[in-house]
C-alpha cells in the first residue's frame, strides 16, 4: 500500500471520489478491517473494489445480500473466544454467519482471486481502519477443495499454516508474512481469522486464490481484473486461461485499496 502522508494527495482523492467518502461514513464507527491482498471477497465486492466489484460473482453476491458491502471492514462476531468451529456453522464461514454478509457464502468458481505460488512466500495486507491487538490465523483449504460447494470446516486444516500475534500497524494495514503450503494447487480459499484481544470480537474473511507454479497456466482462472495503477513494486494484474474469473497477480490486489487510501488516512487521523 502507498503511504498517504501528503495532504495534497488526500485532497485530490477526496475531490475525485466523493462517493467513496460517503460509503466510509456509512460504515459502523466500530469497523476495523479486512484483507486487501490477497483480496478478500468482502473487499473485492465492496464499493472500493474497483473492477473486481463488477465481476459476475460480486454482482451475484450483492444481489443475494440485498445490499452492497459498504461496511467491508465490519465482518465481526462478538464473544467467539476461539470457539470458531462451534459458533460459525458450515456453509457460512465467509459471512461469519452474519445475515448482512450472506452473499459471501455463495459457492462459485469465479470469485475474484489472487494468483500465488505453492510453497512461496506470502505477505498478506490486512487493511485496518481501527488498530487492535490480537492474533491472526491463516488457513488454506485442503487438497481436493471444490469451490462449487459451500465451504465447510472439514475443508480447512485443524491448525493454521501461519499465526501472528500483535503485528504492527503500518500505513493503515497489518502485513503478515508466511510461507504457503506446498501441496495445494488450483483454486483454493485462504481463510483468515483475526481474534481480537483488545475487544471481544473475531473477524472472518475468505480470500480466493489460484495456486500455480511460476509461468504455468491454469484452467481455474480467467482474465484478470484491472486493478487500477500499478503498485509500488510495479506489479500488474496478469492473465490466465480458462473460464472467466478475475485473477490478480500477488501484490496487485493491494492496489485496489489505493482509491480508498486517502479516505482511510482521513478516518485514521480523526481517531
C-alpha atoms as a PDB file:
ATOM      1  CA  UNK A   1       0.000   0.000   0.000  1.00  0.00           C
ATOM      2  CA  UNK A   2       1.203   3.545  -0.678  1.00  0.00           C
ATOM      3  CA  UNK A   3       1.774   5.974   2.150  1.00  0.00           C
ATOM      4  CA  UNK A   4      -0.941   8.550   2.496  1.00  0.00           C
ATOM      5  CA  UNK A   5       1.019  11.240   4.342  1.00  0.00           C
ATOM      6  CA  UNK A   6       0.943  14.102   1.865  1.00  0.00           C
ATOM      7  CA  UNK A   7      -2.064  16.369   2.330  1.00  0.00           C
ATOM      8  CA  UNK A   8      -2.334  17.235  -1.410  1.00  0.00           C
ATOM      9  CA  UNK A   9      -2.850  13.574  -2.314  1.00  0.00           C
ATOM     10  CA  UNK A  10      -5.689  13.336   0.173  1.00  0.00           C
ATOM     11  CA  UNK A  11      -7.291  16.440  -1.314  1.00  0.00           C
ATOM     12  CA  UNK A  12      -7.104  15.025  -4.826  1.00  0.00           C
ATOM     13  CA  UNK A  13      -8.559  11.677  -3.789  1.00  0.00           C
ATOM     14  CA  UNK A  14     -11.404  13.329  -1.917  1.00  0.00           C
ATOM     15  CA  UNK A  15     -12.238  15.511  -4.898  1.00  0.00           C
ATOM     16  CA  UNK A  16     -12.113  12.551  -7.253  1.00  0.00           C
ATOM     17  CA  UNK A  17     -14.140  10.154  -5.146  1.00  0.00           C
ATOM     18  CA  UNK A  18     -16.885  11.792  -3.058  1.00  0.00           C
ATOM     19  CA  UNK A  19     -18.946   8.639  -3.153  1.00  0.00           C
ATOM     20  CA  UNK A  20     -16.027   6.781  -1.568  1.00  0.00           C
ATOM     21  CA  UNK A  21     -16.100   9.057   1.447  1.00  0.00           C
ATOM     22  CA  UNK A  22     -19.843   8.671   1.739  1.00  0.00           C
ATOM     23  CA  UNK A  23     -19.517   4.889   1.747  1.00  0.00           C
ATOM     24  CA  UNK A  24     -16.897   5.026   4.502  1.00  0.00           C
ATOM     25  CA  UNK A  25     -19.036   7.380   6.569  1.00  0.00           C
ATOM     26  CA  UNK A  26     -21.957   4.999   6.230  1.00  0.00           C
ATOM     27  CA  UNK A  27     -19.918   2.190   7.866  1.00  0.00           C
ATOM     28  CA  UNK A  28     -20.100   1.443  11.548  1.00  0.00           C
ATOM     29  CA  UNK A  29     -17.883   3.507  13.841  1.00  0.00           C
ATOM     30  CA  UNK A  30     -16.729   0.190  15.295  1.00  0.00           C
ATOM     31  CA  UNK A  31     -15.481  -1.196  11.965  1.00  0.00           C
ATOM     32  CA  UNK A  32     -11.912  -2.456  11.851  1.00  0.00           C
ATOM     33  CA  UNK A  33     -10.593  -4.230   8.746  1.00  0.00           C
ATOM     34  CA  UNK A  34     -10.271  -6.982   6.137  1.00  0.00           C
ATOM     35  CA  UNK A  35      -7.610  -8.399   3.776  1.00  0.00           C
ATOM     36  CA  UNK A  36      -6.968  -6.420   0.603  1.00  0.00           C
ATOM     37  CA  UNK A  37      -4.122  -8.644  -0.644  1.00  0.00           C
ATOM     38  CA  UNK A  38      -4.849 -11.419  -1.286  1.00  0.00           C
ATOM     39  CA  UNK A  39      -8.097  -9.631  -1.881  1.00  0.00           C
ATOM     40  CA  UNK A  40     -10.968 -10.826   0.301  1.00  0.00           C
ATOM     41  CA  UNK A  41     -14.454 -11.340  -1.087  1.00  0.00           C
ATOM     42  CA  UNK A  42     -15.910  -8.633   1.125  1.00  0.00           C
ATOM     43  CA  UNK A  43     -13.379  -6.038  -0.036  1.00  0.00           C
ATOM     44  CA  UNK A  44     -13.414  -7.073  -3.699  1.00  0.00           C
ATOM     45  CA  UNK A  45     -17.196  -6.772  -3.783  1.00  0.00           C
ATOM     46  CA  UNK A  46     -17.341  -3.512  -1.831  1.00  0.00           C
ATOM     47  CA  UNK A  47     -17.744  -0.070  -3.441  1.00  0.00           C
ATOM     48  CA  UNK A  48     -13.940   0.249  -3.121  1.00  0.00           C
ATOM     49  CA  UNK A  49     -13.320  -2.997  -5.045  1.00  0.00           C
ATOM     50  CA  UNK A  50     -12.870  -1.426  -8.471  1.00  0.00           C
ATOM     51  CA  UNK A  51     -13.229  -3.784 -11.440  1.00  0.00           C
ATOM     52  CA  UNK A  52     -13.438  -6.772  -9.094  1.00  0.00           C
ATOM     53  CA  UNK A  53     -16.702  -5.411  -7.730  1.00  0.00           C
ATOM     54  CA  UNK A  54     -18.195  -5.541 -11.227  1.00  0.00           C
ATOM     55  CA  UNK A  55     -17.452  -9.243 -11.656  1.00  0.00           C
ATOM     56  CA  UNK A  56     -20.281 -11.736 -12.066  1.00  0.00           C
ATOM     57  CA  UNK A  57     -19.556 -13.278  -8.668  1.00  0.00           C
ATOM     58  CA  UNK A  58     -19.679  -9.925  -6.874  1.00  0.00           C
ATOM     59  CA  UNK A  59     -22.881  -8.925  -8.656  1.00  0.00           C
ATOM     60  CA  UNK A  60     -24.451 -12.204  -7.572  1.00  0.00           C
ATOM     61  CA  UNK A  61     -23.200 -11.728  -4.004  1.00  0.00           C
ATOM     62  CA  UNK A  62     -24.677  -8.234  -3.750  1.00  0.00           C
ATOM     63  CA  UNK A  63     -27.965  -9.491  -5.192  1.00  0.00           C
ATOM     64  CA  UNK A  64     -28.087 -12.356  -2.683  1.00  0.00           C
ATOM     65  CA  UNK A  65     -27.161  -9.922   0.054  1.00  0.00           C
ATOM     66  CA  UNK A  66     -29.856  -7.432  -0.861  1.00  0.00           C
ATOM     67  CA  UNK A  67     -27.431  -4.553  -0.221  1.00  0.00           C
ATOM     68  CA  UNK A  68     -23.852  -3.556  -1.151  1.00  0.00           C
ATOM     69  CA  UNK A  69     -20.909  -4.472   1.067  1.00  0.00           C
ATOM     70  CA  UNK A  70     -20.307  -0.902   2.179  1.00  0.00           C
ATOM     71  CA  UNK A  71     -19.091  -1.918   5.647  1.00  0.00           C
ATOM     72  CA  UNK A  72     -16.386  -4.223   4.273  1.00  0.00           C
ATOM     73  CA  UNK A  73     -14.325  -3.715   7.449  1.00  0.00           C
ATOM     74  CA  UNK A  74     -17.043  -4.759   9.875  1.00  0.00           C
ATOM     75  CA  UNK A  75     -17.441  -8.521   9.366  1.00  0.00           C
ATOM     76  CA  UNK A  76     -17.057  -9.473  13.018  1.00  0.00           C
ATOM     77  CA  UNK A  77     -18.700 -11.709  15.603  1.00  0.00           C
ATOM     78  CA  UNK A  78     -18.536 -10.976  19.340  1.00  0.00           C
ATOM     79  CA  UNK A  79     -17.882 -13.499  22.087  1.00  0.00           C
ATOM     80  CA  UNK A  80     -16.489 -16.368  19.997  1.00  0.00           C
ATOM     81  CA  UNK A  81     -13.372 -16.718  22.173  1.00  0.00           C
ATOM     82  CA  UNK A  82     -11.649 -19.226  19.913  1.00  0.00           C
ATOM     83  CA  UNK A  83     -14.718 -21.454  19.504  1.00  0.00           C
ATOM     84  CA  UNK A  84     -14.882 -20.715  15.771  1.00  0.00           C
ATOM     85  CA  UNK A  85     -15.875 -24.219  14.685  1.00  0.00           C
ATOM     86  CA  UNK A  86     -18.624 -24.377  17.289  1.00  0.00           C
ATOM     87  CA  UNK A  87     -20.075 -20.907  16.689  1.00  0.00           C
ATOM     88  CA  UNK A  88     -19.805 -20.469  12.899  1.00  0.00           C
ATOM     89  CA  UNK A  89     -21.799 -23.158  11.041  1.00  0.00           C
ATOM     90  CA  UNK A  90     -20.661 -24.988   7.916  1.00  0.00           C
ATOM     91  CA  UNK A  91     -21.516 -23.177   4.705  1.00  0.00           C
ATOM     92  CA  UNK A  92     -21.388 -19.781   6.428  1.00  0.00           C
ATOM     93  CA  UNK A  93     -17.691 -19.399   7.054  1.00  0.00           C
ATOM     94  CA  UNK A  94     -17.165 -16.482   4.670  1.00  0.00           C
ATOM     95  CA  UNK A  95     -20.033 -14.451   6.141  1.00  0.00           C
ATOM     96  CA  UNK A  96     -19.317 -15.368   9.756  1.00  0.00           C
ATOM     97  CA  UNK A  97     -22.980 -16.406   9.720  1.00  0.00           C
ATOM     98  CA  UNK A  98     -23.953 -12.726   9.650  1.00  0.00           C
ATOM     99  CA  UNK A  99     -27.087 -12.049   7.559  1.00  0.00           C
ATOM    100  CA  UNK A 100     -25.665  -8.746   6.326  1.00  0.00           C
ATOM    101  CA  UNK A 101     -22.848 -10.659   4.565  1.00  0.00           C
ATOM    102  CA  UNK A 102     -24.657 -13.817   3.421  1.00  0.00           C
ATOM    103  CA  UNK A 103     -23.833 -13.195  -0.242  1.00  0.00           C
ATOM    104  CA  UNK A 104     -20.190 -14.017   0.501  1.00  0.00           C
ATOM    105  CA  UNK A 105     -21.086 -17.672   1.100  1.00  0.00           C
ATOM    106  CA  UNK A 106     -22.162 -18.335  -2.499  1.00  0.00           C
ATOM    107  CA  UNK A 107     -20.394 -21.428  -3.853  1.00  0.00           C
ATOM    108  CA  UNK A 108     -18.869 -20.281  -7.143  1.00  0.00           C
ATOM    109  CA  UNK A 109     -15.757 -20.906  -9.228  1.00  0.00           C
ATOM    110  CA  UNK A 110     -15.453 -17.320 -10.442  1.00  0.00           C
ATOM    111  CA  UNK A 111     -14.795 -15.217  -7.332  1.00  0.00           C
ATOM    112  CA  UNK A 112     -12.094 -12.566  -7.900  1.00  0.00           C
ATOM    113  CA  UNK A 113      -8.872 -14.354  -6.985  1.00  0.00           C
ATOM    114  CA  UNK A 114      -5.189 -13.676  -6.413  1.00  0.00           C
ATOM    115  CA  UNK A 115      -2.529 -15.822  -8.074  1.00  0.00           C
ATOM    116  CA  UNK A 116       0.035 -17.327  -5.690  1.00  0.00           C
ATOM    117  CA  UNK A 117       2.825 -19.907  -5.907  1.00  0.00           C
ATOM    118  CA  UNK A 118       2.653 -23.194  -3.937  1.00  0.00           C
ATOM    119  CA  UNK A 119       5.264 -23.141  -1.186  1.00  0.00           C
ATOM    120  CA  UNK A 120       6.003 -19.486  -1.937  1.00  0.00           C
ATOM    121  CA  UNK A 121       6.215 -16.515   0.375  1.00  0.00           C
ATOM    122  CA  UNK A 122       3.047 -14.611   1.162  1.00  0.00           C
ATOM    123  CA  UNK A 123       2.732 -11.183   2.712  1.00  0.00           C
ATOM    124  CA  UNK A 124      -0.904 -10.535   3.484  1.00  0.00           C
ATOM    125  CA  UNK A 125      -2.041  -6.916   3.583  1.00  0.00           C
ATOM    126  CA  UNK A 126      -4.842  -6.623   6.105  1.00  0.00           C
ATOM    127  CA  UNK A 127      -6.249  -3.085   5.947  1.00  0.00           C
ATOM    128  CA  UNK A 128      -7.356  -1.790   9.328  1.00  0.00           C
ATOM    129  CA  UNK A 129      -9.467   1.274   9.984  1.00  0.00           C
ATOM    130  CA  UNK A 130      -9.003   0.979  13.765  1.00  0.00           C
ATOM    131  CA  UNK A 131      -5.942  -0.650  15.346  1.00  0.00           C
ATOM    132  CA  UNK A 132      -6.391  -3.581  17.740  1.00  0.00           C
ATOM    133  CA  UNK A 133      -4.266  -6.182  19.415  1.00  0.00           C
ATOM    134  CA  UNK A 134      -4.978  -9.801  18.636  1.00  0.00           C
ATOM    135  CA  UNK A 135      -3.950 -12.934  16.765  1.00  0.00           C
ATOM    136  CA  UNK A 136      -4.246 -13.622  13.041  1.00  0.00           C
ATOM    137  CA  UNK A 137      -4.648 -17.263  11.992  1.00  0.00           C
ATOM    138  CA  UNK A 138      -4.358 -18.190   8.308  1.00  0.00           C
ATOM    139  CA  UNK A 139      -5.761 -21.404   6.824  1.00  0.00           C
ATOM    140  CA  UNK A 140      -5.694 -22.757   3.284  1.00  0.00           C
ATOM    141  CA  UNK A 141      -8.334 -25.192   2.064  1.00  0.00           C
ATOM    142  CA  UNK A 142      -7.279 -28.821   1.825  1.00  0.00           C
ATOM    143  CA  UNK A 143      -6.264 -30.560  -1.444  1.00  0.00           C
ATOM    144  CA  UNK A 144      -9.391 -31.536  -3.338  1.00  0.00           C
ATOM    145  CA  UNK A 145     -11.365 -28.479  -2.250  1.00  0.00           C
ATOM    146  CA  UNK A 146     -14.305 -27.888  -4.613  1.00  0.00           C
ATOM    147  CA  UNK A 147     -15.199 -24.176  -4.946  1.00  0.00           C
ATOM    148  CA  UNK A 148     -18.589 -25.173  -6.380  1.00  0.00           C
ATOM    149  CA  UNK A 149     -19.615 -26.451  -2.935  1.00  0.00           C
ATOM    150  CA  UNK A 150     -20.227 -24.397   0.229  1.00  0.00           C
ATOM    151  CA  UNK A 151     -17.112 -24.029   2.359  1.00  0.00           C
ATOM    152  CA  UNK A 152     -17.125 -26.216   5.481  1.00  0.00           C
ATOM    153  CA  UNK A 153     -14.775 -26.584   8.428  1.00  0.00           C
ATOM    154  CA  UNK A 154     -13.805 -30.075   7.274  1.00  0.00           C
ATOM    155  CA  UNK A 155     -12.147 -28.479   4.238  1.00  0.00           C
ATOM    156  CA  UNK A 156      -9.802 -26.462   6.457  1.00  0.00           C
ATOM    157  CA  UNK A 157      -6.908 -27.978   8.435  1.00  0.00           C
ATOM    158  CA  UNK A 158      -7.210 -28.065  12.204  1.00  0.00           C
ATOM    159  CA  UNK A 159      -4.048 -25.990  12.532  1.00  0.00           C
ATOM    160  CA  UNK A 160      -3.317 -22.747  10.646  1.00  0.00           C
ATOM    161  CA  UNK A 161      -0.308 -22.641   8.341  1.00  0.00           C
ATOM    162  CA  UNK A 162       0.551 -19.242   9.836  1.00  0.00           C
ATOM    163  CA  UNK A 163      -0.238 -17.475  13.090  1.00  0.00           C
ATOM    164  CA  UNK A 164       0.866 -13.968  14.075  1.00  0.00           C
ATOM    165  CA  UNK A 165       0.064 -12.081  17.277  1.00  0.00           C
ATOM    166  CA  UNK A 166       0.049  -8.280  17.565  1.00  0.00           C
ATOM    167  CA  UNK A 167       1.761  -7.319  14.298  1.00  0.00           C
ATOM    168  CA  UNK A 168       2.497  -3.580  13.994  1.00  0.00           C
ATOM    169  CA  UNK A 169       0.154  -1.346  12.025  1.00  0.00           C
ATOM    170  CA  UNK A 170       1.961   0.403   9.156  1.00  0.00           C
ATOM    171  CA  UNK A 171       0.325   2.658   6.588  1.00  0.00           C
ATOM    172  CA  UNK A 172      -3.166   1.699   7.700  1.00  0.00           C
ATOM    173  CA  UNK A 173      -2.577  -2.053   7.388  1.00  0.00           C
ATOM    174  CA  UNK A 174      -1.104  -5.101   9.077  1.00  0.00           C
ATOM    175  CA  UNK A 175       1.437  -7.007   6.957  1.00  0.00           C
ATOM    176  CA  UNK A 176       1.536 -10.702   7.781  1.00  0.00           C
ATOM    177  CA  UNK A 177       4.420 -12.749   6.338  1.00  0.00           C
ATOM    178  CA  UNK A 178       4.062 -16.505   5.899  1.00  0.00           C
ATOM    179  CA  UNK A 179       5.111 -19.452   3.745  1.00  0.00           C
ATOM    180  CA  UNK A 180       2.331 -21.149   1.797  1.00  0.00           C
ATOM    181  CA  UNK A 181       1.823 -24.938   1.902  1.00  0.00           C
ATOM    182  CA  UNK A 182       3.497 -26.745  -0.985  1.00  0.00           C
ATOM    183  CA  UNK A 183       0.773 -29.311  -1.640  1.00  0.00           C
ATOM    184  CA  UNK A 184      -2.048 -27.036  -2.844  1.00  0.00           C
ATOM    185  CA  UNK A 185      -2.776 -26.242  -6.480  1.00  0.00           C
ATOM    186  CA  UNK A 186      -5.601 -24.658  -8.422  1.00  0.00           C
ATOM    187  CA  UNK A 187      -8.380 -22.590  -6.902  1.00  0.00           C
ATOM    188  CA  UNK A 188      -8.405 -22.518  -3.101  1.00  0.00           C
ATOM    189  CA  UNK A 189      -9.652 -20.300  -0.271  1.00  0.00           C
ATOM    190  CA  UNK A 190      -7.312 -18.507   2.106  1.00  0.00           C
ATOM    191  CA  UNK A 191      -9.360 -18.243   5.291  1.00  0.00           C
ATOM    192  CA  UNK A 192      -8.303 -15.645   7.831  1.00  0.00           C
ATOM    193  CA  UNK A 193      -9.428 -15.400  11.439  1.00  0.00           C
ATOM    194  CA  UNK A 194      -8.470 -12.325  13.444  1.00  0.00           C
ATOM    195  CA  UNK A 195      -9.273 -12.847  17.105  1.00  0.00           C
ATOM    196  CA  UNK A 196      -9.000  -9.567  18.957  1.00  0.00           C
ATOM    197  CA  UNK A 197      -7.582  -9.403  22.460  1.00  0.00           C
ATOM    198  CA  UNK A 198      -8.484  -5.727  22.951  1.00  0.00           C
ATOM    199  CA  UNK A 199     -12.156  -6.308  22.064  1.00  0.00           C
ATOM    200  CA  UNK A 200     -14.475  -9.353  22.318  1.00  0.00           C
ATOM    201  CA  UNK A 201     -14.671  -9.534  18.509  1.00  0.00           C
ATOM    202  CA  UNK A 202     -13.395 -12.073  15.989  1.00  0.00           C
ATOM    203  CA  UNK A 203     -13.159 -11.214  12.275  1.00  0.00           C
ATOM    204  CA  UNK A 204     -13.555 -13.709   9.430  1.00  0.00           C
ATOM    205  CA  UNK A 205     -12.620 -13.425   5.774  1.00  0.00           C
ATOM    206  CA  UNK A 206     -12.352 -15.511   2.620  1.00  0.00           C
ATOM    207  CA  UNK A 207      -9.714 -14.650   0.022  1.00  0.00           C
ATOM    208  CA  UNK A 208      -9.951 -16.700  -3.163  1.00  0.00           C
ATOM    209  CA  UNK A 209      -6.563 -17.680  -4.586  1.00  0.00           C
ATOM    210  CA  UNK A 210      -5.229 -19.670  -7.520  1.00  0.00           C
ATOM    211  CA  UNK A 211      -2.012 -21.585  -6.861  1.00  0.00           C
ATOM    212  CA  UNK A 212       0.206 -22.422  -9.825  1.00  0.00           C
ATOM    213  CA  UNK A 213       3.940 -22.706 -10.382  1.00  0.00           C
ATOM    214  CA  UNK A 214       5.546 -19.609 -11.839  1.00  0.00           C
ATOM    215  CA  UNK A 215       4.974 -19.402 -15.588  1.00  0.00           C
ATOM    216  CA  UNK A 216       2.341 -22.137 -15.516  1.00  0.00           C
ATOM    217  CA  UNK A 217      -1.204 -21.516 -16.716  1.00  0.00           C
ATOM    218  CA  UNK A 218      -4.253 -22.958 -15.014  1.00  0.00           C
ATOM    219  CA  UNK A 219      -7.731 -23.857 -16.180  1.00  0.00           C
ATOM    220  CA  UNK A 220      -9.142 -22.492 -12.938  1.00  0.00           C
ATOM    221  CA  UNK A 221      -8.640 -18.830 -13.729  1.00  0.00           C
ATOM    222  CA  UNK A 222      -9.567 -16.363 -16.447  1.00  0.00           C
ATOM    223  CA  UNK A 223      -8.876 -12.757 -17.445  1.00  0.00           C
ATOM    224  CA  UNK A 224      -7.567 -10.511 -14.711  1.00  0.00           C
ATOM    225  CA  UNK A 225      -9.482  -7.670 -13.185  1.00  0.00           C
ATOM    226  CA  UNK A 226      -7.976  -4.280 -13.944  1.00  0.00           C
ATOM    227  CA  UNK A 227      -6.942  -3.123 -10.505  1.00  0.00           C
ATOM    228  CA  UNK A 228      -6.054   0.426 -11.461  1.00  0.00           C
ATOM    229  CA  UNK A 229      -2.496   1.815 -11.425  1.00  0.00           C
ATOM    230  CA  UNK A 230       0.493  -0.414 -10.759  1.00  0.00           C
ATOM    231  CA  UNK A 231       1.623  -0.915  -7.189  1.00  0.00           C
ATOM    232  CA  UNK A 232       4.890   0.482  -5.862  1.00  0.00           C
ATOM    233  CA  UNK A 233       6.599  -2.744  -6.879  1.00  0.00           C
ATOM    234  CA  UNK A 234       5.341  -2.293 -10.442  1.00  0.00           C
ATOM    235  CA  UNK A 235       3.192  -5.419 -10.310  1.00  0.00           C
ATOM    236  CA  UNK A 236       0.215  -5.541 -12.663  1.00  0.00           C
ATOM    237  CA  UNK A 237      -2.790  -7.819 -12.922  1.00  0.00           C
ATOM    238  CA  UNK A 238      -1.951 -10.800 -15.130  1.00  0.00           C
ATOM    239  CA  UNK A 239      -3.882 -13.128 -17.400  1.00  0.00           C
ATOM    240  CA  UNK A 240      -4.580 -16.825 -17.125  1.00  0.00           C
ATOM    241  CA  UNK A 241      -6.518 -19.231 -19.299  1.00  0.00           C
ATOM    242  CA  UNK A 242      -9.868 -20.869 -18.728  1.00  0.00           C
ATOM    243  CA  UNK A 243     -13.339 -19.752 -17.641  1.00  0.00           C
ATOM    244  CA  UNK A 244     -13.891 -16.080 -16.990  1.00  0.00           C
ATOM    245  CA  UNK A 245     -12.838 -15.491 -13.382  1.00  0.00           C
ATOM    246  CA  UNK A 246     -10.920 -12.397 -12.311  1.00  0.00           C
ATOM    247  CA  UNK A 247      -7.359 -13.113 -11.159  1.00  0.00           C
ATOM    248  CA  UNK A 248      -4.796 -10.725  -9.719  1.00  0.00           C
ATOM    249  CA  UNK A 249      -1.049 -11.201  -9.515  1.00  0.00           C
ATOM    250  CA  UNK A 250       0.215 -11.474  -5.951  1.00  0.00           C
ATOM    251  CA  UNK A 251       0.653  -7.913  -4.755  1.00  0.00           C
ATOM    252  CA  UNK A 252      -1.594  -6.428  -7.430  1.00  0.00           C
ATOM    253  CA  UNK A 253      -4.678  -6.857  -5.301  1.00  0.00           C
ATOM    254  CA  UNK A 254      -3.231  -4.360  -2.865  1.00  0.00           C
ATOM    255  CA  UNK A 255      -3.561  -1.557  -5.388  1.00  0.00           C
ATOM    256  CA  UNK A 256      -7.316  -1.897  -5.168  1.00  0.00           C
ATOM    257  CA  UNK A 257      -7.051  -0.110  -1.851  1.00  0.00           C
ATOM    258  CA  UNK A 258      -5.246   2.904  -3.325  1.00  0.00           C
ATOM    259  CA  UNK A 259      -8.501   4.647  -4.196  1.00  0.00           C
ATOM    260  CA  UNK A 260      -9.631   4.204  -0.610  1.00  0.00           C
ATOM    261  CA  UNK A 261      -6.297   5.021   0.962  1.00  0.00           C
ATOM    262  CA  UNK A 262      -6.893   8.761   1.189  1.00  0.00           C
ATOM    263  CA  UNK A 263     -10.232   8.299   2.876  1.00  0.00           C
ATOM    264  CA  UNK A 264      -8.609   5.769   5.197  1.00  0.00           C
ATOM    265  CA  UNK A 265      -5.926   8.303   6.125  1.00  0.00           C
ATOM    266  CA  UNK A 266      -8.573  10.900   6.889  1.00  0.00           C
ATOM    267  CA  UNK A 267     -10.503   8.418   9.003  1.00  0.00           C
ATOM    268  CA  UNK A 268      -7.446   7.308  10.963  1.00  0.00           C
ATOM    269  CA  UNK A 269      -6.418  10.886  11.742  1.00  0.00           C
ATOM    270  CA  UNK A 270      -9.811  11.518  13.293  1.00  0.00           C
ATOM    271  CA  UNK A 271      -9.488   8.618  15.750  1.00  0.00           C
END
